[in-house]
N, C-alpha and C. Protein backbone atom coordinates (compact mmCIF):
# COMPACT_ATOMS: atom_id res chain seq x y z
N UNK A 1 0.82 -1.22 0.12
CA UNK A 1 -0.16 0.09 0.08
C UNK A 1 0.77 1.48 -0.03
N UNK A 2 2.02 1.47 0.98
CA UNK A 2 2.97 2.38 0.91
C UNK A 2 4.19 1.83 0.99
N UNK A 3 5.15 2.48 0.25
CA UNK A 3 6.33 2.25 0.12
C UNK A 3 7.34 3.32 0.49
N UNK A 4 8.34 3.34 0.99
CA UNK A 4 9.18 4.18 1.15
C UNK A 4 10.86 3.43 0.63
N UNK A 5 11.44 4.19 -0.43
CA UNK A 5 12.53 3.61 -0.88
C UNK A 5 13.93 4.82 -0.92
N UNK A 6 14.91 4.24 0.09
CA UNK A 6 15.78 5.19 0.07
C UNK A 6 16.76 4.89 -1.19
N UNK A 7 17.51 6.05 -1.52
CA UNK A 7 18.97 5.65 -2.31
C UNK A 7 19.67 6.81 -2.12
N UNK A 8 21.03 6.57 -2.91
CA UNK A 8 22.02 7.63 -2.73
C UNK A 8 23.06 7.24 -1.75
N UNK A 9 23.04 6.16 -0.99
CA UNK A 9 24.26 5.68 -0.11
C UNK A 9 25.39 4.85 -1.17
N UNK A 10 26.57 4.82 -0.20
CA UNK A 10 27.77 4.06 -0.99
C UNK A 10 28.98 4.60 -0.21
N UNK A 11 30.28 4.42 -0.79
CA UNK A 11 31.46 4.38 -0.13
C UNK A 11 32.04 5.76 -0.30
N UNK A 12 32.20 6.26 0.66
CA UNK A 12 33.16 7.73 0.59
C UNK A 12 34.20 7.81 1.26
N UNK A 13 35.25 8.71 1.08
CA UNK A 13 36.37 9.01 1.94
C UNK A 13 35.64 9.88 2.93
N UNK A 14 36.47 9.90 4.07
CA UNK A 14 36.27 10.98 5.19
C UNK A 14 36.59 12.34 4.58
N UNK A 15 35.59 13.27 5.12
CA UNK A 15 35.52 14.44 4.65
C UNK A 15 34.55 14.59 3.12
N UNK A 16 34.16 13.66 2.66
CA UNK A 16 33.30 13.71 1.32
C UNK A 16 31.85 13.89 1.57
N UNK A 17 31.14 14.04 0.74
CA UNK A 17 29.83 14.21 0.73
C UNK A 17 28.88 13.02 -0.05
N UNK A 18 27.56 12.99 0.60
CA UNK A 18 26.64 12.17 -0.04
C UNK A 18 25.43 12.61 0.09
N UNK A 19 24.49 12.40 -0.72
CA UNK A 19 23.06 13.15 -0.69
C UNK A 19 22.16 11.64 -0.53
N UNK A 20 21.46 11.37 0.25
CA UNK A 20 20.22 10.38 0.44
C UNK A 20 18.91 10.90 -0.08
N UNK A 21 18.27 10.13 -0.52
CA UNK A 21 16.91 10.57 -1.12
C UNK A 21 15.80 9.27 -0.35
N UNK A 22 14.51 9.73 -0.27
CA UNK A 22 13.96 8.84 0.48
C UNK A 22 12.44 9.18 -0.25
N UNK A 23 11.98 8.28 -1.19
CA UNK A 23 10.69 8.46 -1.90
C UNK A 23 9.37 7.63 -1.45
N UNK A 24 8.36 8.13 -1.40
CA UNK A 24 7.15 7.65 -0.96
C UNK A 24 6.74 7.30 -1.82
N UNK A 25 5.77 6.06 -2.06
CA UNK A 25 4.63 6.32 -3.23
C UNK A 25 3.54 5.26 -2.70
N UNK A 26 2.69 4.78 -3.13
CA UNK A 26 1.55 4.24 -2.96
C UNK A 26 0.08 5.17 -2.49
N UNK A 27 -0.92 4.60 -1.56
CA UNK A 27 -1.88 5.13 -1.37
C UNK A 27 -1.78 6.39 -0.30
N UNK A 28 -1.47 7.50 -0.30
CA UNK A 28 -0.87 8.50 0.29
C UNK A 28 -1.86 9.70 0.20
N UNK A 29 -2.52 10.05 1.37
CA UNK A 29 -3.34 11.19 1.52
C UNK A 29 -2.18 12.67 1.40
N UNK A 30 -1.54 12.27 2.60
CA UNK A 30 -0.45 13.54 3.27
C UNK A 30 0.44 12.68 4.15
N UNK A 31 1.60 13.33 3.98
CA UNK A 31 2.65 12.65 4.92
C UNK A 31 2.89 13.98 6.12
N UNK A 32 3.00 13.37 7.21
CA UNK A 32 3.47 14.39 8.12
C UNK A 32 4.98 14.75 8.31
N UNK A 33 5.16 14.17 9.94
CA UNK A 33 6.70 14.12 9.91
C UNK A 33 7.49 13.25 9.11
N UNK A 34 8.76 13.52 8.84
CA UNK A 34 9.48 12.40 8.14
C UNK A 34 10.80 12.49 9.07
N UNK A 35 11.71 11.45 9.19
CA UNK A 35 12.82 11.65 9.51
C UNK A 35 13.92 10.41 9.09
N UNK A 36 15.21 11.09 9.24
CA UNK A 36 16.19 9.78 9.18
C UNK A 36 16.99 9.31 10.07
N UNK A 37 17.11 7.78 10.28
CA UNK A 37 17.55 7.46 11.23
C UNK A 37 18.69 6.39 10.81
N UNK A 38 19.62 6.04 11.65
CA UNK A 38 20.74 5.17 11.38
C UNK A 38 21.17 4.16 12.39
N UNK A 39 21.64 2.94 11.91
CA UNK A 39 21.96 2.02 12.61
C UNK A 39 23.43 1.46 12.22
N UNK A 40 24.33 1.64 13.33
CA UNK A 40 25.67 1.17 13.05
C UNK A 40 25.96 -0.37 13.60
N UNK A 41 26.93 -1.16 13.03
CA UNK A 41 26.77 -2.51 13.41
C UNK A 41 27.11 -2.65 14.86
N UNK A 42 26.10 -3.47 15.76
CA UNK A 42 26.39 -3.57 17.08
C UNK A 42 25.77 -2.57 18.02
N UNK A 43 25.07 -1.66 17.06
CA UNK A 43 24.51 -0.51 17.88
C UNK A 43 22.86 -0.40 17.85
N UNK A 44 22.49 0.40 18.50
CA UNK A 44 20.85 0.61 18.38
C UNK A 44 20.56 1.71 17.33
N UNK A 45 19.50 1.59 16.74
CA UNK A 45 19.04 2.54 15.76
C UNK A 45 18.90 3.81 16.36
N UNK A 46 19.54 4.82 15.70
CA UNK A 46 19.34 6.47 16.40
C UNK A 46 18.54 7.28 15.59
N UNK A 47 18.43 8.33 16.17
CA UNK A 47 17.85 9.50 15.48
C UNK A 47 18.89 10.30 14.43
N UNK A 48 18.76 10.66 13.36
CA UNK A 48 19.79 11.61 12.61
C UNK A 48 19.01 12.87 12.69
N UNK A 49 17.94 12.80 11.83
CA UNK A 49 17.18 14.18 11.82
C UNK A 49 15.66 14.11 11.54
N UNK A 50 15.03 15.13 11.83
CA UNK A 50 13.70 15.19 11.33
C UNK A 50 13.24 16.17 10.85
N UNK A 51 12.06 16.11 10.06
CA UNK A 51 11.44 17.55 9.40
C UNK A 51 10.17 17.34 9.46
N UNK A 52 9.43 18.46 9.88
CA UNK A 52 7.86 18.64 9.97
C UNK A 52 7.33 18.72 8.55
N UNK A 53 6.24 18.80 7.89
CA UNK A 53 5.45 19.04 6.77
C UNK A 53 5.86 20.44 6.30
N UNK A 54 5.93 21.42 7.34
CA UNK A 54 6.09 22.58 7.23
C UNK A 54 7.70 23.04 7.30
N UNK A 55 8.35 22.26 7.33
CA UNK A 55 9.88 22.27 7.30
C UNK A 55 10.58 22.59 8.53
N UNK A 56 10.08 22.42 9.70
CA UNK A 56 10.82 22.50 11.05
C UNK A 56 11.85 21.59 11.03
N UNK A 57 13.01 21.76 11.23
CA UNK A 57 13.93 20.57 11.27
C UNK A 57 14.59 20.45 12.76
N UNK A 58 14.94 18.96 13.09
CA UNK A 58 15.61 18.89 14.27
C UNK A 58 16.74 17.85 14.01
N UNK A 59 17.89 18.23 14.61
CA UNK A 59 19.40 17.50 14.38
C UNK A 59 19.75 16.71 15.59
N UNK A 60 20.34 15.67 15.52
CA UNK A 60 21.19 14.94 16.47
C UNK A 60 22.55 15.57 16.69
N UNK A 61 22.81 15.85 17.77
CA UNK A 61 24.08 16.58 18.11
C UNK A 61 25.01 16.32 17.04
N UNK A 62 25.46 15.04 17.02
CA UNK A 62 26.59 14.39 16.21
C UNK A 62 26.55 14.85 14.77
N UNK A 63 25.44 15.19 14.17
CA UNK A 63 25.58 15.74 12.69
C UNK A 63 25.23 17.15 12.59
N UNK A 64 25.16 17.97 13.40
CA UNK A 64 24.66 19.13 13.33
C UNK A 64 25.82 19.99 12.66
N UNK A 65 25.34 21.24 11.79
CA UNK A 65 26.36 21.95 11.24
C UNK A 65 27.08 20.74 9.86
N UNK A 66 26.70 19.61 9.86
CA UNK A 66 27.17 18.67 8.75
C UNK A 66 26.22 18.19 7.96
N UNK A 67 25.15 17.76 8.16
CA UNK A 67 23.97 17.37 7.61
C UNK A 67 22.73 18.21 7.24
N UNK A 68 22.14 18.17 6.35
CA UNK A 68 20.93 19.05 6.00
C UNK A 68 19.65 18.12 5.73
N UNK A 69 18.65 18.29 6.40
CA UNK A 69 17.52 17.45 5.92
C UNK A 69 16.55 18.55 5.14
N UNK A 70 15.75 18.14 4.27
CA UNK A 70 14.79 18.79 3.57
C UNK A 70 13.92 17.89 2.88
N UNK A 71 12.82 18.26 2.31
CA UNK A 71 11.89 17.47 1.58
C UNK A 71 11.00 18.44 0.64
N UNK A 72 10.59 17.69 -0.52
CA UNK A 72 9.70 18.07 -1.40
C UNK A 72 8.38 17.54 -1.29
N UNK A 73 7.01 18.40 -0.91
CA UNK A 73 6.21 17.72 -0.48
C UNK A 73 5.43 17.60 -1.67
N UNK A 74 5.65 18.06 -2.57
CA UNK A 74 4.95 17.83 -4.20
C UNK A 74 5.38 16.46 -4.68
N UNK A 75 6.77 15.89 -4.31
CA UNK A 75 7.19 14.84 -4.73
C UNK A 75 7.32 13.80 -3.85
N UNK A 76 6.57 14.06 -2.59
CA UNK A 76 6.75 12.94 -1.47
C UNK A 76 8.02 12.68 -1.22
N UNK A 77 8.90 13.04 -1.28
CA UNK A 77 10.44 13.04 -1.08
C UNK A 77 11.14 13.65 -0.27
N UNK A 78 12.24 12.99 0.63
CA UNK A 78 12.83 13.58 1.41
C UNK A 78 14.33 13.65 1.19
N UNK A 79 15.09 14.53 1.71
CA UNK A 79 16.62 14.23 1.39
C UNK A 79 17.47 14.42 2.77
N UNK A 80 18.73 14.09 2.56
CA UNK A 80 19.86 14.23 3.63
C UNK A 80 21.14 14.37 2.99
N UNK A 81 21.43 15.76 2.87
CA UNK A 81 22.68 16.30 2.39
C UNK A 81 23.64 15.97 3.43
N UNK A 82 24.44 14.94 3.16
CA UNK A 82 25.51 15.00 4.04
C UNK A 82 27.06 15.41 3.73
N UNK A 83 27.71 16.30 4.45
CA UNK A 83 28.94 16.74 4.23
C UNK A 83 29.89 16.51 5.37
N UNK A 84 31.06 16.79 5.35
CA UNK A 84 32.08 16.62 6.04
C UNK A 84 32.03 15.17 6.77
N UNK A 85 31.91 14.16 6.15
CA UNK A 85 31.46 12.81 6.60
C UNK A 85 32.84 12.16 7.23
N UNK A 86 32.11 11.55 8.66
CA UNK A 86 33.37 11.07 9.43
C UNK A 86 33.11 9.14 9.49
N UNK A 87 34.13 8.68 9.52
CA UNK A 87 34.13 7.15 10.00
C UNK A 87 32.85 6.92 10.52
N UNK A 88 32.76 7.71 11.95
CA UNK A 88 31.52 7.09 12.65
C UNK A 88 30.33 7.44 12.16
N UNK A 89 30.07 8.21 11.03
CA UNK A 89 28.98 7.88 10.28
C UNK A 89 28.42 6.74 9.68
N UNK A 90 29.36 6.11 9.25
CA UNK A 90 28.95 4.50 8.81
C UNK A 90 28.00 3.91 9.36
N UNK A 91 26.88 3.57 8.65
CA UNK A 91 25.74 2.98 9.14
C UNK A 91 24.87 2.67 8.17
N UNK A 92 23.76 1.92 8.06
CA UNK A 92 22.77 1.60 7.33
C UNK A 92 21.53 2.95 7.49
N UNK A 93 21.45 3.74 6.65
CA UNK A 93 20.63 4.85 6.90
C UNK A 93 18.82 4.35 6.35
N UNK A 94 17.96 4.74 7.55
CA UNK A 94 16.53 4.29 7.15
C UNK A 94 15.89 5.69 7.28
N UNK A 95 14.90 5.77 6.45
CA UNK A 95 13.80 6.99 6.37
C UNK A 95 12.45 6.37 7.31
N UNK A 96 11.89 7.43 7.76
CA UNK A 96 10.86 7.00 8.58
C UNK A 96 9.60 8.33 8.28
N UNK A 97 8.36 7.98 8.23
CA UNK A 97 7.58 8.73 7.62
C UNK A 97 6.12 8.43 8.28
N UNK A 98 5.47 9.63 8.74
CA UNK A 98 4.27 9.31 9.44
C UNK A 98 3.15 9.79 8.17
N UNK A 99 2.60 8.77 7.74
CA UNK A 99 1.73 8.84 6.45
C UNK A 99 0.45 8.75 6.93
N UNK A 100 -0.65 9.54 6.20
CA UNK A 100 -1.94 9.41 6.22
C UNK A 100 -2.42 9.01 5.20
N UNK A 101 -3.01 7.75 5.23
CA UNK A 101 -3.75 7.09 3.97
C UNK A 101 -5.02 7.54 3.74
N UNK A 102 -5.74 7.20 2.64
CA UNK A 102 -7.28 7.37 2.40
C UNK A 102 -7.61 6.78 3.45
N UNK A 103 -7.49 5.53 3.71
CA UNK A 103 -8.21 4.83 4.81
C UNK A 103 -7.00 4.21 5.67
N UNK A 104 -6.71 5.04 7.05
CA UNK A 104 -5.79 4.78 8.17
C UNK A 104 -4.77 5.68 7.76
N UNK A 105 -3.60 5.28 8.77
CA UNK A 105 -2.32 6.11 9.17
C UNK A 105 -1.43 5.11 9.47
N UNK A 106 -0.37 5.43 9.52
CA UNK A 106 0.67 4.81 10.30
C UNK A 106 2.22 5.38 10.17
N UNK A 107 3.22 4.90 10.92
CA UNK A 107 4.43 5.05 10.51
C UNK A 107 5.19 4.09 9.71
N UNK A 108 5.77 4.47 8.87
CA UNK A 108 6.62 3.69 7.77
C UNK A 108 8.10 3.58 7.61
N UNK A 109 8.76 2.47 7.33
CA UNK A 109 10.20 2.45 7.19
C UNK A 109 10.75 2.00 5.76
N UNK A 110 11.75 2.71 5.39
CA UNK A 110 12.31 2.10 4.14
C UNK A 110 13.20 1.07 4.44
N UNK A 111 13.63 0.38 3.35
CA UNK A 111 14.56 -0.86 3.54
C UNK A 111 16.03 -0.36 4.20
N UNK A 112 16.42 0.85 3.74
CA UNK A 112 18.00 0.98 4.42
C UNK A 112 18.91 1.20 2.98
N UNK A 113 19.74 2.44 3.61
CA UNK A 113 20.85 2.37 2.46
C UNK A 113 22.09 2.37 3.17
N UNK A 114 23.10 1.73 2.73
CA UNK A 114 24.27 1.45 3.53
C UNK A 114 25.19 2.70 2.83
N UNK A 115 25.66 3.53 4.00
CA UNK A 115 26.82 4.25 4.20
C UNK A 115 28.08 4.12 4.69
N UNK A 116 28.99 4.06 3.94
CA UNK A 116 30.18 3.78 4.49
C UNK A 116 31.31 4.73 4.30
N UNK A 117 31.91 5.11 5.39
CA UNK A 117 32.98 6.34 5.28
C UNK A 117 34.19 5.88 5.64
N UNK A 118 35.06 5.72 4.88
CA UNK A 118 36.55 5.08 5.02
C UNK A 118 37.57 6.30 5.29
N UNK A 119 38.32 5.89 6.16
CA UNK A 119 39.38 6.96 6.94
C UNK A 119 40.63 7.16 6.13
């Protein structure tokens, strides 16, 4: 019914940049808040950044000043621009969205995209 698909992950050297995308499709009436999370091997999933429908943002302290979250409501797509990447940013990055469908609502997750930062 609803799919979130992440893209843009890959291997990059420390100090480099990547841009992640998360595209939502399916039976969607409106998308409220969206967010990026990440999970490194052996660690719990953690919040990276969130953005409301109106564009208010929130960031984890570890990424403030380096990452920028944005969205295009017309395209049901969210982005994460990641600059000055560090090896500790290596993780699987997941997008999450609060989606209202024509019948019902819920929080949805993407399948994840791997980001690897080499030192």
